[in-house]
Structure formats: C-alpha cells, structure tokens
C-alpha cells in the first residue's frame, strides 16, 4: 500500500489520532510528552502512531499534512496542530470540548 494511502486510512479510521515520537507511556521527546499529557487529561481514548518506528510515515506525513513538525494531533480527520497549539487549547478548555465531542460522535456512530 502506498504510504500516503496508509496515512489517509489511519486518519480516516481513528477519530482521535496522535502522530508522536514514542508511545503515550514512553514518549521519546518533550513535545510528545506534553501533548500526550494534555490529551490523556481529557479522559478519552485515542490512537497513536510512533513515527520513530515508522520512518516512511515520519518522512511523508509533513508533506501530506503541510505541517513540518511532530507531534501532530488529528481529530475527525482534521489536523488540530502540534504541541504548542494542543497545550494552549488544553489550557483554555478548547481541547477537552473538541476531544469529548469527537469521542461522543464516535460512540454514537458505533451504536
């Protein structure tokens, strides 16, 4: 499968998806760690892709997303942003609302 198709499929099939360095339990950079902390504090499940163990995704996602850095948070197929944006959204309450609404929508779709 083409790597761009793989990326599209990951984004489309995961309501809340974080492309990060490492895993939520063992982030491999400070930016990924801060982003995971904010996401986990929202209290909803999310998917992640470790770009360190997926070099093709690491190389191609910035071109696909038109966003040069990691981590990258995607919600409902839309790029939310990286660490600074996610942290700021968490601090002003926007992230919690976005994540809870996305999770509720996903549960309703599965019902």
N, C-alpha and C. Protein backbone atom coordinates (compact mmCIF):
# COMPACT_ATOMS: atom_id res chain seq x y z
N UNK A 1 0.84 -1.19 0.00
CA UNK A 1 0.00 0.00 0.00
C UNK A 1 0.89 1.25 0.00
N UNK A 2 0.52 2.23 -0.77
CA UNK A 2 1.24 3.48 -0.83
C UNK A 2 1.22 4.16 0.54
N UNK A 3 2.31 4.80 0.93
CA UNK A 3 2.40 5.38 2.28
C UNK A 3 1.38 6.50 2.49
N UNK A 4 1.10 7.27 1.45
CA UNK A 4 0.09 8.34 1.57
C UNK A 4 -1.29 7.71 1.80
N UNK A 5 -1.57 6.60 1.12
CA UNK A 5 -2.84 5.89 1.34
C UNK A 5 -2.91 5.36 2.78
N UNK A 6 -1.79 4.87 3.28
CA UNK A 6 -1.73 4.38 4.67
C UNK A 6 -2.05 5.51 5.63
N UNK A 7 -1.44 6.66 5.42
CA UNK A 7 -1.68 7.82 6.29
C UNK A 7 -3.15 8.22 6.23
N UNK A 8 -3.71 8.32 5.02
CA UNK A 8 -5.12 8.68 4.87
C UNK A 8 -6.01 7.70 5.62
N UNK A 9 -5.72 6.41 5.48
CA UNK A 9 -6.52 5.37 6.13
C UNK A 9 -6.42 5.49 7.65
N UNK A 10 -5.23 5.77 8.18
CA UNK A 10 -5.07 5.92 9.62
C UNK A 10 -5.89 7.10 10.13
N UNK A 11 -5.83 8.21 9.41
CA UNK A 11 -6.54 9.42 9.83
C UNK A 11 -8.05 9.21 9.74
N UNK A 12 -8.51 8.56 8.67
CA UNK A 12 -9.95 8.35 8.49
C UNK A 12 -10.52 7.33 9.47
N UNK A 13 -9.74 6.34 9.87
CA UNK A 13 -10.29 5.28 10.71
C UNK A 13 -10.08 5.50 12.21
N UNK A 14 -9.45 6.61 12.60
CA UNK A 14 -9.25 6.92 14.01
C UNK A 14 -9.77 8.33 14.30
N UNK A 15 -10.82 8.41 15.10
CA UNK A 15 -11.43 9.70 15.41
C UNK A 15 -10.43 10.66 16.04
N UNK A 16 -9.65 10.15 16.98
CA UNK A 16 -8.63 10.96 17.65
C UNK A 16 -7.30 10.23 17.46
N UNK A 17 -6.38 10.85 16.74
CA UNK A 17 -5.13 10.20 16.37
C UNK A 17 -3.96 11.14 16.62
N UNK A 18 -2.95 10.63 17.30
CA UNK A 18 -1.75 11.40 17.57
C UNK A 18 -0.55 10.73 16.90
N UNK A 19 0.10 11.48 16.02
CA UNK A 19 1.38 11.05 15.47
C UNK A 19 2.44 11.62 16.40
N UNK A 20 3.25 10.75 16.99
CA UNK A 20 4.18 11.20 18.03
C UNK A 20 5.48 10.42 17.99
N UNK A 21 6.45 10.89 18.75
CA UNK A 21 7.71 10.17 18.92
C UNK A 21 7.57 9.32 20.18
N UNK A 22 7.58 8.00 20.00
CA UNK A 22 7.41 7.09 21.11
C UNK A 22 5.96 6.68 21.27
N UNK A 23 5.60 6.31 22.51
CA UNK A 23 4.23 5.89 22.81
C UNK A 23 3.71 6.74 23.97
N UNK A 24 2.39 6.73 24.19
CA UNK A 24 1.87 7.52 25.31
C UNK A 24 2.52 7.18 26.65
N UNK A 25 2.87 5.91 26.86
CA UNK A 25 3.51 5.51 28.11
C UNK A 25 4.99 5.81 28.15
N UNK A 26 5.60 5.94 26.96
CA UNK A 26 7.02 6.24 26.87
C UNK A 26 7.31 7.21 25.74
N UNK A 27 6.88 8.47 25.89
CA UNK A 27 7.17 9.45 24.84
C UNK A 27 8.68 9.65 24.71
N UNK A 28 9.13 9.87 23.48
CA UNK A 28 10.56 9.97 23.22
C UNK A 28 11.03 11.41 22.99
N UNK A 29 10.15 12.38 23.23
CA UNK A 29 10.57 13.78 23.21
C UNK A 29 9.64 14.58 24.09
N UNK A 30 10.10 15.72 24.55
CA UNK A 30 9.33 16.55 25.46
C UNK A 30 8.03 17.06 24.85
N UNK A 31 8.07 17.38 23.54
CA UNK A 31 6.86 17.88 22.88
C UNK A 31 5.78 16.80 22.84
N UNK A 32 6.19 15.58 22.50
CA UNK A 32 5.24 14.47 22.50
C UNK A 32 4.71 14.22 23.91
N UNK A 33 5.58 14.31 24.91
CA UNK A 33 5.16 14.08 26.30
C UNK A 33 4.12 15.11 26.73
N UNK A 34 4.34 16.38 26.42
CA UNK A 34 3.38 17.43 26.81
C UNK A 34 2.05 17.25 26.10
N UNK A 35 2.11 16.87 24.82
CA UNK A 35 0.89 16.68 24.06
C UNK A 35 0.09 15.50 24.61
N UNK A 36 0.77 14.40 24.91
CA UNK A 36 0.10 13.22 25.48
C UNK A 36 -0.52 13.55 26.83
N UNK A 37 0.18 14.32 27.66
CA UNK A 37 -0.38 14.69 28.97
C UNK A 37 -1.69 15.45 28.79
N UNK A 38 -1.71 16.40 27.87
CA UNK A 38 -2.92 17.18 27.64
C UNK A 38 -4.04 16.28 27.13
N UNK A 39 -3.72 15.40 26.19
CA UNK A 39 -4.74 14.50 25.63
C UNK A 39 -5.28 13.54 26.69
N UNK A 40 -4.37 12.96 27.46
CA UNK A 40 -4.80 11.99 28.48
C UNK A 40 -5.66 12.67 29.55
N UNK A 41 -5.38 13.92 29.83
CA UNK A 41 -6.17 14.65 30.83
C UNK A 41 -7.60 14.88 30.36
N UNK A 42 -7.84 14.76 29.06
CA UNK A 42 -9.21 14.90 28.53
C UNK A 42 -10.05 13.67 28.83
N UNK A 43 -9.41 12.56 29.16
CA UNK A 43 -10.12 11.37 29.63
C UNK A 43 -10.75 10.50 28.56
N UNK A 44 -10.36 10.68 27.31
CA UNK A 44 -10.92 9.85 26.23
C UNK A 44 -9.81 9.02 25.60
N UNK A 45 -10.22 7.89 25.02
CA UNK A 45 -9.25 7.03 24.33
C UNK A 45 -8.83 7.69 23.02
N UNK A 46 -7.58 7.46 22.65
CA UNK A 46 -7.08 7.97 21.38
C UNK A 46 -6.08 6.98 20.81
N UNK A 47 -5.95 7.02 19.50
CA UNK A 47 -4.97 6.17 18.83
C UNK A 47 -3.67 6.96 18.66
N UNK A 48 -2.59 6.23 18.48
CA UNK A 48 -1.32 6.92 18.22
C UNK A 48 -0.50 6.11 17.23
N UNK A 49 0.40 6.80 16.57
CA UNK A 49 1.37 6.17 15.68
C UNK A 49 2.74 6.68 16.10
N UNK A 50 3.65 5.75 16.41
CA UNK A 50 5.02 6.09 16.76
C UNK A 50 5.79 6.32 15.46
N UNK A 51 6.12 7.57 15.18
CA UNK A 51 6.81 7.87 13.92
C UNK A 51 8.25 7.41 13.93
N UNK A 52 8.82 7.16 15.11
CA UNK A 52 10.20 6.68 15.17
C UNK A 52 10.30 5.25 14.65
N UNK A 53 9.25 4.46 14.85
CA UNK A 53 9.27 3.09 14.33
C UNK A 53 8.59 2.99 12.97
N UNK A 54 8.15 4.13 12.43
CA UNK A 54 7.52 4.18 11.10
C UNK A 54 8.19 5.29 10.28
N UNK A 55 9.43 5.06 9.83
CA UNK A 55 10.17 6.13 9.14
C UNK A 55 9.49 6.64 7.86
N UNK A 56 8.75 5.78 7.16
CA UNK A 56 8.05 6.25 5.95
C UNK A 56 6.97 7.26 6.31
N UNK A 57 6.26 7.02 7.39
CA UNK A 57 5.25 7.97 7.84
C UNK A 57 5.93 9.25 8.32
N UNK A 58 7.02 9.09 9.05
CA UNK A 58 7.76 10.26 9.54
C UNK A 58 8.21 11.14 8.37
N UNK A 59 8.62 10.52 7.29
CA UNK A 59 9.12 11.27 6.13
C UNK A 59 7.99 11.90 5.31
N UNK A 60 6.84 11.24 5.23
CA UNK A 60 5.79 11.67 4.31
C UNK A 60 4.64 12.45 4.95
N UNK A 61 4.39 12.26 6.23
CA UNK A 61 3.27 12.95 6.87
C UNK A 61 3.41 14.48 6.82
N UNK A 62 4.60 15.05 7.05
CA UNK A 62 4.69 16.51 6.96
C UNK A 62 4.26 17.06 5.59
N UNK A 63 4.55 16.34 4.53
CA UNK A 63 4.13 16.78 3.19
C UNK A 63 2.61 16.65 3.06
N UNK A 64 2.07 15.53 3.51
CA UNK A 64 0.63 15.29 3.44
C UNK A 64 -0.14 16.34 4.25
N UNK A 65 0.34 16.60 5.45
CA UNK A 65 -0.36 17.49 6.38
C UNK A 65 -0.04 18.96 6.14
N UNK A 66 1.02 19.22 5.40
CA UNK A 66 1.52 20.58 5.24
C UNK A 66 1.85 21.17 6.62
N UNK A 67 2.43 20.32 7.46
CA UNK A 67 2.80 20.68 8.84
C UNK A 67 4.15 20.02 9.10
N UNK A 68 5.21 20.78 9.36
CA UNK A 68 6.56 20.22 9.34
C UNK A 68 7.00 19.44 10.57
N UNK A 69 6.31 19.59 11.69
CA UNK A 69 6.85 19.05 12.93
C UNK A 69 5.95 17.98 13.54
N UNK A 70 6.49 17.31 14.55
CA UNK A 70 5.76 16.32 15.35
C UNK A 70 5.84 16.75 16.79
N UNK A 71 4.84 16.41 17.59
CA UNK A 71 3.68 15.57 17.28
C UNK A 71 2.64 16.31 16.43
N UNK A 72 1.70 15.52 15.90
CA UNK A 72 0.57 16.06 15.16
C UNK A 72 -0.70 15.39 15.70
N UNK A 73 -1.64 16.20 16.11
CA UNK A 73 -2.92 15.69 16.60
C UNK A 73 -3.97 15.87 15.52
N UNK A 74 -4.67 14.78 15.19
CA UNK A 74 -5.76 14.79 14.21
C UNK A 74 -7.04 14.40 14.92
N UNK A 75 -8.09 15.16 14.71
CA UNK A 75 -9.41 14.86 15.29
C UNK A 75 -10.44 14.96 14.18
N UNK A 76 -11.22 13.90 14.03
CA UNK A 76 -12.24 13.83 12.98
C UNK A 76 -11.67 14.15 11.59
N UNK A 77 -10.49 13.63 11.33
CA UNK A 77 -9.89 13.80 10.01
C UNK A 77 -9.25 15.15 9.75
N UNK A 78 -9.24 16.02 10.75
CA UNK A 78 -8.68 17.36 10.60
C UNK A 78 -7.43 17.50 11.47
N UNK A 79 -6.40 18.14 10.91
CA UNK A 79 -5.21 18.42 11.70
C UNK A 79 -5.52 19.53 12.69
N UNK A 80 -5.34 19.23 13.97
CA UNK A 80 -5.54 20.23 15.02
C UNK A 80 -4.27 21.06 15.17
N UNK A 81 -3.12 20.38 15.24
CA UNK A 81 -1.86 21.08 15.37
C UNK A 81 -0.86 20.26 16.16
N UNK A 82 0.19 20.95 16.56
CA UNK A 82 1.27 20.32 17.30
C UNK A 82 1.21 20.67 18.78
N UNK A 83 2.33 20.50 19.44
CA UNK A 83 2.41 20.63 20.90
C UNK A 83 1.92 21.98 21.40
N UNK A 84 2.41 23.08 20.83
CA UNK A 84 2.05 24.40 21.33
C UNK A 84 0.55 24.65 21.21
N UNK A 85 -0.01 24.30 20.06
CA UNK A 85 -1.45 24.52 19.83
C UNK A 85 -2.27 23.64 20.77
N UNK A 86 -1.90 22.36 20.87
CA UNK A 86 -2.64 21.43 21.74
C UNK A 86 -2.56 21.88 23.20
N UNK A 87 -1.39 22.30 23.64
CA UNK A 87 -1.22 22.75 25.02
C UNK A 87 -2.05 24.00 25.29
N UNK A 88 -2.01 24.94 24.36
CA UNK A 88 -2.80 26.16 24.52
C UNK A 88 -4.29 25.85 24.54
N UNK A 89 -4.74 24.96 23.64
CA UNK A 89 -6.15 24.58 23.62
C UNK A 89 -6.55 23.90 24.92
N UNK A 90 -5.65 23.08 25.48
CA UNK A 90 -5.95 22.42 26.75
C UNK A 90 -6.11 23.45 27.86
N UNK A 91 -5.19 24.42 27.89
CA UNK A 91 -5.21 25.42 28.96
C UNK A 91 -6.47 26.28 28.92
N UNK A 92 -7.02 26.54 27.71
CA UNK A 92 -8.22 27.37 27.66
C UNK A 92 -9.52 26.55 27.54
N UNK A 93 -9.40 25.21 27.64
CA UNK A 93 -10.58 24.36 27.69
C UNK A 93 -11.10 23.89 26.33
N UNK A 94 -10.51 24.39 25.24
CA UNK A 94 -10.98 24.01 23.90
C UNK A 94 -10.70 22.55 23.57
N UNK A 95 -9.54 22.05 24.02
CA UNK A 95 -9.16 20.68 23.68
C UNK A 95 -10.14 19.68 24.31
N UNK A 96 -10.49 19.90 25.58
CA UNK A 96 -11.41 18.99 26.25
C UNK A 96 -12.73 18.93 25.49
N UNK A 97 -13.26 20.08 25.08
CA UNK A 97 -14.52 20.12 24.34
C UNK A 97 -14.39 19.38 23.02
N UNK A 98 -13.32 19.67 22.28
CA UNK A 98 -13.10 19.03 20.98
C UNK A 98 -13.01 17.51 21.12
N UNK A 99 -12.21 17.04 22.07
CA UNK A 99 -11.99 15.61 22.26
C UNK A 99 -13.26 14.92 22.74
N UNK A 100 -13.96 15.52 23.69
CA UNK A 100 -15.20 14.90 24.21
C UNK A 100 -16.27 14.82 23.12
N UNK A 101 -16.41 15.87 22.31
CA UNK A 101 -17.39 15.85 21.23
C UNK A 101 -17.02 14.79 20.19
N UNK A 102 -15.74 14.69 19.86
CA UNK A 102 -15.29 13.69 18.88
C UNK A 102 -15.54 12.28 19.41
N UNK A 103 -15.23 12.05 20.68
CA UNK A 103 -15.44 10.73 21.28
C UNK A 103 -16.92 10.39 21.34
N UNK A 104 -17.75 11.38 21.69
CA UNK A 104 -19.20 11.15 21.74
C UNK A 104 -19.74 10.82 20.35
N UNK A 105 -19.25 11.53 19.35
CA UNK A 105 -19.65 11.25 17.97
C UNK A 105 -19.25 9.86 17.52
N UNK A 106 -18.07 9.44 17.93
CA UNK A 106 -17.59 8.10 17.58
C UNK A 106 -18.46 7.04 18.26
N UNK A 107 -18.81 7.25 19.51
CA UNK A 107 -19.65 6.27 20.22
C UNK A 107 -21.04 6.21 19.61
N UNK A 108 -21.58 7.36 19.20
CA UNK A 108 -22.90 7.39 18.59
C UNK A 108 -22.89 6.65 17.25
N UNK A 109 -21.79 6.81 16.51
CA UNK A 109 -21.67 6.14 15.21
C UNK A 109 -21.58 4.63 15.37
N UNK A 110 -21.00 4.18 16.49
CA UNK A 110 -20.84 2.75 16.73
C UNK A 110 -22.11 2.11 17.29
N UNK A 111 -22.99 2.94 17.83
CA UNK A 111 -24.21 2.41 18.48
C UNK A 111 -25.22 1.90 17.47
